Structures are given as C-alpha cells and as structure tokens.
N, C-alpha and C. Protein backbone atom coordinates (compact mmCIF):
# COMPACT_ATOMS: atom_id res chain seq x y z
N MET A 1 264.39 6.81 -71.76
CA MET A 1 263.83 7.61 -70.68
C MET A 1 264.98 8.09 -69.81
N HIS A 2 264.82 9.28 -69.28
CA HIS A 2 265.81 9.85 -68.38
C HIS A 2 265.67 9.22 -66.99
N PRO A 3 266.75 9.15 -66.23
CA PRO A 3 266.64 8.60 -64.87
C PRO A 3 265.79 9.50 -63.97
N PHE A 4 265.18 8.92 -62.98
CA PHE A 4 264.36 9.66 -62.01
C PHE A 4 265.25 10.29 -60.96
N PRO A 5 264.81 11.33 -60.29
CA PRO A 5 263.52 12.00 -60.45
C PRO A 5 263.51 12.96 -61.64
N HIS A 6 262.32 13.23 -62.15
CA HIS A 6 262.12 14.22 -63.22
C HIS A 6 261.53 15.47 -62.57
N GLU A 7 261.87 16.63 -63.09
CA GLU A 7 261.30 17.87 -62.59
C GLU A 7 260.69 18.64 -63.75
N TYR A 8 259.56 19.29 -63.51
CA TYR A 8 258.86 20.07 -64.52
C TYR A 8 258.62 21.45 -63.94
N VAL A 9 259.15 22.47 -64.59
CA VAL A 9 259.05 23.84 -64.10
C VAL A 9 258.13 24.63 -65.01
N VAL A 10 257.08 25.19 -64.45
CA VAL A 10 256.12 26.02 -65.19
C VAL A 10 256.03 27.36 -64.47
N HIS A 11 256.02 28.43 -65.24
CA HIS A 11 255.91 29.77 -64.68
C HIS A 11 254.49 30.29 -64.91
N ALA A 12 253.84 30.77 -63.88
CA ALA A 12 252.50 31.33 -63.98
C ALA A 12 252.55 32.82 -63.67
N THR A 13 251.97 33.62 -64.57
CA THR A 13 251.90 35.06 -64.37
C THR A 13 250.43 35.46 -64.35
N LEU A 14 249.96 35.96 -63.22
CA LEU A 14 248.57 36.41 -63.09
C LEU A 14 248.48 37.85 -63.54
N HIS A 15 247.51 38.12 -64.42
CA HIS A 15 247.29 39.47 -64.93
C HIS A 15 246.10 40.09 -64.20
N SER A 16 245.99 41.41 -64.24
CA SER A 16 244.91 42.10 -63.55
C SER A 16 243.54 41.70 -64.11
N SER A 17 243.51 41.13 -65.30
CA SER A 17 242.25 40.68 -65.89
C SER A 17 241.78 39.36 -65.29
N ASN A 18 242.51 38.83 -64.30
CA ASN A 18 242.22 37.57 -63.65
C ASN A 18 242.49 36.38 -64.58
N ALA A 19 243.31 36.60 -65.59
CA ALA A 19 243.76 35.52 -66.47
C ALA A 19 245.23 35.27 -66.15
N THR A 20 245.66 34.06 -66.43
CA THR A 20 247.03 33.67 -66.16
C THR A 20 247.70 33.27 -67.45
N THR A 21 248.96 33.58 -67.58
CA THR A 21 249.77 33.07 -68.68
C THR A 21 250.70 32.02 -68.09
N LEU A 22 250.64 30.82 -68.66
CA LEU A 22 251.50 29.73 -68.23
C LEU A 22 252.60 29.55 -69.26
N SER A 23 253.82 29.41 -68.78
CA SER A 23 254.93 29.22 -69.72
C SER A 23 255.91 28.19 -69.19
N LYS A 24 256.54 27.53 -70.13
CA LYS A 24 257.56 26.53 -69.84
C LYS A 24 258.58 26.63 -70.95
N ALA A 25 259.82 26.48 -70.64
CA ALA A 25 260.88 26.60 -71.64
C ALA A 25 260.57 25.76 -72.87
N ASN A 26 260.78 26.35 -74.04
CA ASN A 26 260.63 25.68 -75.34
C ASN A 26 259.20 25.31 -75.71
N LEU A 27 258.21 25.85 -75.00
CA LEU A 27 256.81 25.56 -75.31
C LEU A 27 256.05 26.87 -75.54
N PRO A 28 254.98 26.83 -76.33
CA PRO A 28 254.18 28.05 -76.50
C PRO A 28 253.45 28.38 -75.18
N GLU A 29 253.21 29.67 -74.97
CA GLU A 29 252.47 30.09 -73.78
C GLU A 29 251.03 29.61 -73.86
N LEU A 30 250.43 29.45 -72.71
CA LEU A 30 249.04 29.01 -72.60
C LEU A 30 248.31 29.96 -71.67
N ARG A 31 247.15 30.45 -72.09
CA ARG A 31 246.35 31.34 -71.26
C ARG A 31 245.35 30.51 -70.45
N SER A 32 245.14 30.92 -69.23
CA SER A 32 244.23 30.23 -68.34
C SER A 32 243.39 31.26 -67.59
N ALA A 33 242.16 30.89 -67.27
CA ALA A 33 241.27 31.77 -66.51
C ALA A 33 240.33 30.89 -65.69
N PRO A 34 239.67 31.47 -64.71
CA PRO A 34 238.71 30.67 -63.95
C PRO A 34 237.62 30.12 -64.87
N PRO A 35 237.10 28.92 -64.57
CA PRO A 35 236.02 28.37 -65.38
C PRO A 35 234.70 29.12 -65.09
N GLU A 36 233.72 28.90 -65.95
CA GLU A 36 232.41 29.53 -65.75
C GLU A 36 231.83 29.23 -64.37
N GLU A 37 232.08 28.01 -63.88
CA GLU A 37 231.54 27.60 -62.59
C GLU A 37 232.02 28.50 -61.45
N PHE A 38 233.16 29.16 -61.65
CA PHE A 38 233.70 30.07 -60.64
C PHE A 38 233.64 31.52 -61.11
N GLY A 39 232.73 31.82 -62.03
CA GLY A 39 232.55 33.18 -62.49
C GLY A 39 233.51 33.62 -63.58
N GLY A 40 234.25 32.70 -64.13
CA GLY A 40 235.19 33.03 -65.20
C GLY A 40 234.48 33.09 -66.55
N PRO A 41 235.24 33.46 -67.58
CA PRO A 41 234.63 33.64 -68.90
C PRO A 41 234.26 32.32 -69.60
N GLY A 42 234.92 31.23 -69.24
CA GLY A 42 234.61 29.95 -69.86
C GLY A 42 235.15 29.79 -71.27
N ASP A 43 235.98 30.72 -71.71
CA ASP A 43 236.51 30.64 -73.08
C ASP A 43 238.01 30.37 -73.12
N GLN A 44 238.57 29.98 -71.97
CA GLN A 44 239.98 29.64 -71.89
C GLN A 44 240.14 28.40 -71.02
N TRP A 45 241.30 27.78 -71.14
CA TRP A 45 241.60 26.67 -70.24
C TRP A 45 241.60 27.18 -68.81
N SER A 46 241.19 26.31 -67.89
CA SER A 46 241.21 26.63 -66.46
C SER A 46 242.05 25.56 -65.76
N PRO A 47 242.45 25.81 -64.52
CA PRO A 47 243.19 24.77 -63.80
C PRO A 47 242.41 23.45 -63.73
N GLU A 48 241.10 23.56 -63.55
CA GLU A 48 240.27 22.36 -63.46
C GLU A 48 240.26 21.61 -64.80
N GLY A 49 240.13 22.35 -65.89
CA GLY A 49 240.16 21.73 -67.21
C GLY A 49 241.52 21.17 -67.54
N LEU A 50 242.58 21.88 -67.15
CA LEU A 50 243.93 21.39 -67.41
C LEU A 50 244.23 20.11 -66.65
N LEU A 51 243.76 20.01 -65.41
CA LEU A 51 243.99 18.79 -64.65
C LEU A 51 243.24 17.62 -65.29
N THR A 52 242.00 17.85 -65.67
CA THR A 52 241.22 16.80 -66.33
C THR A 52 241.86 16.42 -67.66
N ALA A 53 242.35 17.41 -68.40
CA ALA A 53 243.05 17.14 -69.66
C ALA A 53 244.32 16.33 -69.41
N ALA A 54 245.02 16.63 -68.33
CA ALA A 54 246.25 15.89 -68.01
C ALA A 54 245.95 14.42 -67.74
N VAL A 55 244.84 14.13 -67.07
CA VAL A 55 244.46 12.74 -66.82
C VAL A 55 244.17 12.03 -68.15
N ALA A 56 243.39 12.68 -69.03
CA ALA A 56 243.06 12.08 -70.33
C ALA A 56 244.31 11.90 -71.19
N ASP A 57 245.15 12.93 -71.24
CA ASP A 57 246.35 12.89 -72.07
C ASP A 57 247.32 11.83 -71.57
N CYS A 58 247.52 11.76 -70.27
CA CYS A 58 248.42 10.76 -69.69
C CYS A 58 247.94 9.35 -70.02
N PHE A 59 246.66 9.12 -69.88
CA PHE A 59 246.10 7.81 -70.21
C PHE A 59 246.37 7.45 -71.67
N ALA A 60 246.07 8.38 -72.58
CA ALA A 60 246.24 8.10 -74.01
C ALA A 60 247.72 7.88 -74.36
N LEU A 61 248.60 8.76 -73.90
CA LEU A 61 250.02 8.60 -74.21
C LEU A 61 250.59 7.35 -73.56
N ASN A 62 250.14 7.04 -72.37
CA ASN A 62 250.59 5.84 -71.67
C ASN A 62 250.17 4.59 -72.45
N PHE A 63 248.93 4.59 -72.95
CA PHE A 63 248.48 3.46 -73.76
C PHE A 63 249.36 3.31 -75.01
N GLY A 64 249.64 4.42 -75.68
CA GLY A 64 250.47 4.36 -76.88
C GLY A 64 251.82 3.73 -76.61
N ALA A 65 252.45 4.12 -75.49
CA ALA A 65 253.76 3.57 -75.13
C ALA A 65 253.66 2.09 -74.77
N ILE A 66 252.64 1.73 -74.01
CA ILE A 66 252.46 0.33 -73.61
C ILE A 66 252.15 -0.54 -74.82
N ALA A 67 251.29 -0.06 -75.71
CA ALA A 67 250.96 -0.83 -76.92
C ALA A 67 252.19 -1.02 -77.79
N ALA A 68 253.01 0.02 -77.94
CA ALA A 68 254.23 -0.10 -78.75
C ALA A 68 255.19 -1.11 -78.13
N ALA A 69 255.39 -1.02 -76.81
CA ALA A 69 256.29 -1.95 -76.13
C ALA A 69 255.77 -3.39 -76.21
N SER A 70 254.46 -3.53 -76.28
CA SER A 70 253.82 -4.86 -76.36
C SER A 70 253.63 -5.33 -77.79
N LYS A 71 254.05 -4.50 -78.75
CA LYS A 71 253.87 -4.80 -80.18
C LYS A 71 252.41 -5.10 -80.52
N PHE A 72 251.54 -4.30 -79.91
CA PHE A 72 250.10 -4.44 -80.14
C PHE A 72 249.68 -3.41 -81.18
N GLU A 73 249.07 -3.85 -82.26
CA GLU A 73 248.64 -2.94 -83.32
C GLU A 73 247.22 -2.48 -83.08
N TRP A 74 247.01 -1.20 -83.26
CA TRP A 74 245.70 -0.58 -83.05
C TRP A 74 245.57 0.55 -84.06
N LYS A 75 244.34 1.02 -84.25
CA LYS A 75 244.09 2.05 -85.26
C LYS A 75 243.89 3.43 -84.66
N SER A 76 243.05 3.53 -83.64
CA SER A 76 242.81 4.82 -83.00
C SER A 76 242.31 4.63 -81.58
N LEU A 77 242.57 5.64 -80.78
CA LEU A 77 242.08 5.65 -79.40
C LEU A 77 241.46 7.01 -79.13
N GLY A 78 240.24 7.00 -78.65
CA GLY A 78 239.58 8.21 -78.19
C GLY A 78 239.35 8.07 -76.69
N ALA A 79 239.66 9.11 -75.94
CA ALA A 79 239.45 9.07 -74.49
C ALA A 79 238.73 10.34 -74.07
N ILE A 80 237.60 10.16 -73.41
CA ILE A 80 236.85 11.29 -72.86
C ILE A 80 236.91 11.15 -71.34
N THR A 81 237.50 12.14 -70.69
CA THR A 81 237.64 12.11 -69.24
C THR A 81 236.79 13.21 -68.62
N THR A 82 236.05 12.85 -67.60
CA THR A 82 235.22 13.78 -66.84
C THR A 82 235.76 13.83 -65.42
N GLY A 83 236.09 15.03 -64.96
CA GLY A 83 236.53 15.22 -63.59
C GLY A 83 235.40 15.80 -62.77
N LYS A 84 235.19 15.26 -61.59
CA LYS A 84 234.12 15.75 -60.71
C LYS A 84 234.74 16.47 -59.51
N LEU A 85 234.51 17.79 -59.45
CA LEU A 85 234.96 18.62 -58.35
C LEU A 85 233.81 18.77 -57.37
N ASP A 86 234.07 18.54 -56.10
CA ASP A 86 233.01 18.60 -55.10
C ASP A 86 233.62 19.03 -53.77
N ARG A 87 232.78 19.20 -52.79
CA ARG A 87 233.26 19.46 -51.43
C ARG A 87 233.39 18.11 -50.74
N HIS A 88 234.53 17.92 -50.10
CA HIS A 88 234.79 16.67 -49.39
C HIS A 88 235.56 17.01 -48.12
N GLU A 89 234.99 16.64 -46.99
CA GLU A 89 235.61 16.92 -45.69
C GLU A 89 235.96 18.39 -45.54
N GLY A 90 235.04 19.26 -45.99
CA GLY A 90 235.20 20.69 -45.83
C GLY A 90 236.12 21.37 -46.83
N LYS A 91 236.61 20.63 -47.84
CA LYS A 91 237.50 21.20 -48.83
C LYS A 91 236.97 20.92 -50.23
N MET A 92 237.21 21.86 -51.12
CA MET A 92 236.92 21.60 -52.54
C MET A 92 238.06 20.77 -53.09
N ARG A 93 237.69 19.67 -53.77
CA ARG A 93 238.71 18.84 -54.41
C ARG A 93 238.06 17.93 -55.44
N PHE A 94 238.88 17.43 -56.33
CA PHE A 94 238.37 16.44 -57.27
C PHE A 94 238.16 15.14 -56.52
N VAL A 95 236.97 14.57 -56.67
CA VAL A 95 236.64 13.34 -55.97
C VAL A 95 236.58 12.14 -56.91
N ARG A 96 236.55 12.41 -58.23
CA ARG A 96 236.40 11.30 -59.16
C ARG A 96 236.80 11.73 -60.57
N PHE A 97 237.42 10.81 -61.29
CA PHE A 97 237.68 10.97 -62.71
C PHE A 97 237.17 9.73 -63.42
N ASP A 98 236.33 9.95 -64.41
CA ASP A 98 235.80 8.86 -65.24
C ASP A 98 236.37 9.02 -66.64
N THR A 99 236.98 7.95 -67.15
CA THR A 99 237.51 7.97 -68.51
C THR A 99 236.78 6.91 -69.33
N ARG A 100 236.24 7.36 -70.46
CA ARG A 100 235.61 6.45 -71.42
C ARG A 100 236.57 6.33 -72.59
N ALA A 101 237.10 5.13 -72.77
CA ALA A 101 238.07 4.88 -73.83
C ALA A 101 237.42 4.09 -74.94
N THR A 102 237.58 4.56 -76.17
CA THR A 102 237.11 3.85 -77.36
C THR A 102 238.34 3.52 -78.19
N LEU A 103 238.66 2.24 -78.26
CA LEU A 103 239.82 1.77 -79.00
C LEU A 103 239.34 1.06 -80.26
N THR A 104 239.86 1.48 -81.39
CA THR A 104 239.54 0.84 -82.66
C THR A 104 240.73 -0.01 -83.07
N VAL A 105 240.43 -1.28 -83.36
CA VAL A 105 241.46 -2.25 -83.75
C VAL A 105 240.99 -2.99 -84.99
N SER A 106 241.90 -3.71 -85.62
CA SER A 106 241.53 -4.53 -86.78
C SER A 106 240.86 -5.82 -86.30
N SER A 107 240.21 -6.52 -87.20
CA SER A 107 239.49 -7.75 -86.84
C SER A 107 240.43 -8.85 -86.35
N SER A 108 241.72 -8.74 -86.66
CA SER A 108 242.67 -9.77 -86.22
C SER A 108 243.20 -9.51 -84.81
N ALA A 109 242.87 -8.38 -84.23
CA ALA A 109 243.38 -8.03 -82.90
C ALA A 109 242.67 -8.85 -81.82
N ASN A 110 243.38 -9.10 -80.75
CA ASN A 110 242.84 -9.82 -79.59
C ASN A 110 242.18 -8.80 -78.66
N ALA A 111 240.85 -8.85 -78.58
CA ALA A 111 240.10 -7.87 -77.78
C ALA A 111 240.43 -7.97 -76.30
N ASP A 112 240.67 -9.18 -75.79
CA ASP A 112 241.02 -9.34 -74.37
C ASP A 112 242.37 -8.69 -74.07
N ARG A 113 243.30 -8.84 -74.99
CA ARG A 113 244.62 -8.22 -74.81
C ARG A 113 244.50 -6.70 -74.88
N ALA A 114 243.68 -6.21 -75.79
CA ALA A 114 243.45 -4.77 -75.91
C ALA A 114 242.90 -4.22 -74.60
N LYS A 115 241.93 -4.89 -74.03
CA LYS A 115 241.33 -4.48 -72.76
C LYS A 115 242.37 -4.46 -71.65
N MET A 116 243.21 -5.49 -71.60
CA MET A 116 244.25 -5.56 -70.58
C MET A 116 245.25 -4.41 -70.72
N LEU A 117 245.63 -4.06 -71.96
CA LEU A 117 246.57 -2.97 -72.17
C LEU A 117 245.95 -1.62 -71.80
N LEU A 118 244.66 -1.43 -72.09
CA LEU A 118 243.97 -0.21 -71.69
C LEU A 118 243.92 -0.09 -70.16
N GLU A 119 243.60 -1.18 -69.50
CA GLU A 119 243.55 -1.18 -68.04
C GLU A 119 244.93 -0.91 -67.44
N LYS A 120 245.96 -1.46 -68.06
CA LYS A 120 247.33 -1.21 -67.59
C LYS A 120 247.70 0.26 -67.78
N ALA A 121 247.28 0.84 -68.90
CA ALA A 121 247.56 2.26 -69.16
C ALA A 121 246.93 3.13 -68.08
N GLU A 122 245.71 2.80 -67.69
CA GLU A 122 245.03 3.59 -66.66
C GLU A 122 245.69 3.37 -65.30
N ALA A 123 246.04 2.13 -64.99
CA ALA A 123 246.59 1.80 -63.68
C ALA A 123 248.00 2.35 -63.47
N THR A 124 248.74 2.59 -64.54
CA THR A 124 250.13 3.02 -64.41
C THR A 124 250.34 4.49 -64.79
N CYS A 125 249.28 5.23 -65.02
CA CYS A 125 249.40 6.64 -65.39
C CYS A 125 249.93 7.44 -64.20
N PRO A 126 251.09 8.09 -64.34
CA PRO A 126 251.63 8.83 -63.19
C PRO A 126 250.79 10.03 -62.77
N ILE A 127 250.05 10.62 -63.69
CA ILE A 127 249.20 11.77 -63.32
C ILE A 127 248.07 11.31 -62.42
N SER A 128 247.27 10.34 -62.88
CA SER A 128 246.14 9.91 -62.06
C SER A 128 246.60 9.17 -60.80
N ASN A 129 247.77 8.53 -60.85
CA ASN A 129 248.29 7.88 -59.64
C ASN A 129 248.70 8.90 -58.58
N SER A 130 248.89 10.16 -58.97
CA SER A 130 249.26 11.21 -58.04
C SER A 130 248.05 11.85 -57.37
N LEU A 131 246.86 11.49 -57.81
CA LEU A 131 245.64 12.11 -57.30
C LEU A 131 244.97 11.22 -56.26
N ASN A 132 244.37 11.86 -55.27
CA ASN A 132 243.68 11.15 -54.20
C ASN A 132 242.18 11.21 -54.47
N CYS A 133 241.72 10.36 -55.40
CA CYS A 133 240.29 10.33 -55.72
C CYS A 133 239.97 9.02 -56.44
N GLU A 134 238.69 8.78 -56.61
CA GLU A 134 238.25 7.60 -57.35
C GLU A 134 238.59 7.76 -58.83
N ARG A 135 238.87 6.63 -59.48
CA ARG A 135 239.11 6.61 -60.91
C ARG A 135 238.34 5.44 -61.50
N HIS A 136 237.71 5.71 -62.62
CA HIS A 136 236.94 4.65 -63.28
C HIS A 136 237.24 4.68 -64.77
N LEU A 137 237.37 3.49 -65.34
CA LEU A 137 237.66 3.35 -66.76
C LEU A 137 236.55 2.52 -67.40
N GLN A 138 235.95 3.07 -68.43
CA GLN A 138 234.95 2.35 -69.23
C GLN A 138 235.59 2.12 -70.59
N ILE A 139 235.54 0.88 -71.06
CA ILE A 139 236.22 0.50 -72.30
C ILE A 139 235.23 0.06 -73.36
N ASP A 140 235.42 0.59 -74.57
CA ASP A 140 234.65 0.18 -75.74
C ASP A 140 235.66 -0.17 -76.83
N ILE A 141 235.70 -1.42 -77.24
CA ILE A 141 236.61 -1.84 -78.29
C ILE A 141 235.80 -2.05 -79.56
N ARG A 142 236.24 -1.36 -80.61
CA ARG A 142 235.54 -1.42 -81.89
C ARG A 142 236.44 -2.08 -82.93
N ILE A 143 235.82 -2.88 -83.76
CA ILE A 143 236.56 -3.60 -84.82
C ILE A 143 236.35 -2.83 -86.13
N SER A 144 237.47 -2.62 -86.83
CA SER A 144 237.43 -1.93 -88.12
C SER A 144 238.27 -2.72 -89.10
N GLU A 145 237.83 -2.80 -90.31
CA GLU A 145 238.60 -3.53 -91.34
C GLU A 145 239.67 -2.67 -91.91
C-alpha cells in the first residue's frame, strides 16, 4: 500500500443533454445522468447509484483483503447495498445504507470467524466511514461442499 494521504482525481464534463462523462487517468470513461427519481432517464449510472455502488464495492473488496490477510478461505461473497436518500434537517442526504452480505464457505470454515471478518470489513470500509448516516449489515453464511 502507498503511504497516506491518497488522492483521487476525477474529471466531470456536463453535456447539454444533462448527462455527465466521468473520467480518470488510465480508466474507461463512465456516463452518468440523473436517476428516474429526479426526472432522469434511469438508463445510466447516477451520482446516487455510484455512491451506493461505492459502499457495496468497498465492503466487498475490504472483505477480500481482510480474509486474505487472515488466511480465511471462502468461496463467494454477494453484497446487495440499498441507500436511502431522504430529507433530513432541511437537506437532501443519504440517511442510511443497508448491506445484505451472503458469504459462501466450505463446511470446514468457522462460521463465527466468517461473521467477525464480515463485520470488520463493514466497520473499516473507508467509503462508508466517510459518510454521516446509519449503516446496517445483515449477514447470511451459506455452507457449500
């Protein structure tokens, strides 16, 4: 890992069509538009969807790193994150993120350890730790041969 602080630079270009092109060095461009809830087309990523995706992605990648460092073997992880945007104290903001994690492990895996690693992944995620809202994690551990 590189020493802190880390910086991430993204360029946003708004087009007259009310769509945005997001770009970052060495990455493919990403189109973004307002979500349907704000009168957008609903067929592209939106800032709200990208933030929710960042919470889910950070959780999953964080778990992978923690499991590897802990030498914990697992088969698959599915994470579904729901972000709730609402009015709070006169401002629109995300007030809650719920993540449902389904971890598949072999029958020899320690389910309590798996649960602890999932909870650690959620608690140490830098994306969700940067947000001022409630966070909830629901865990489902499945055994597979």
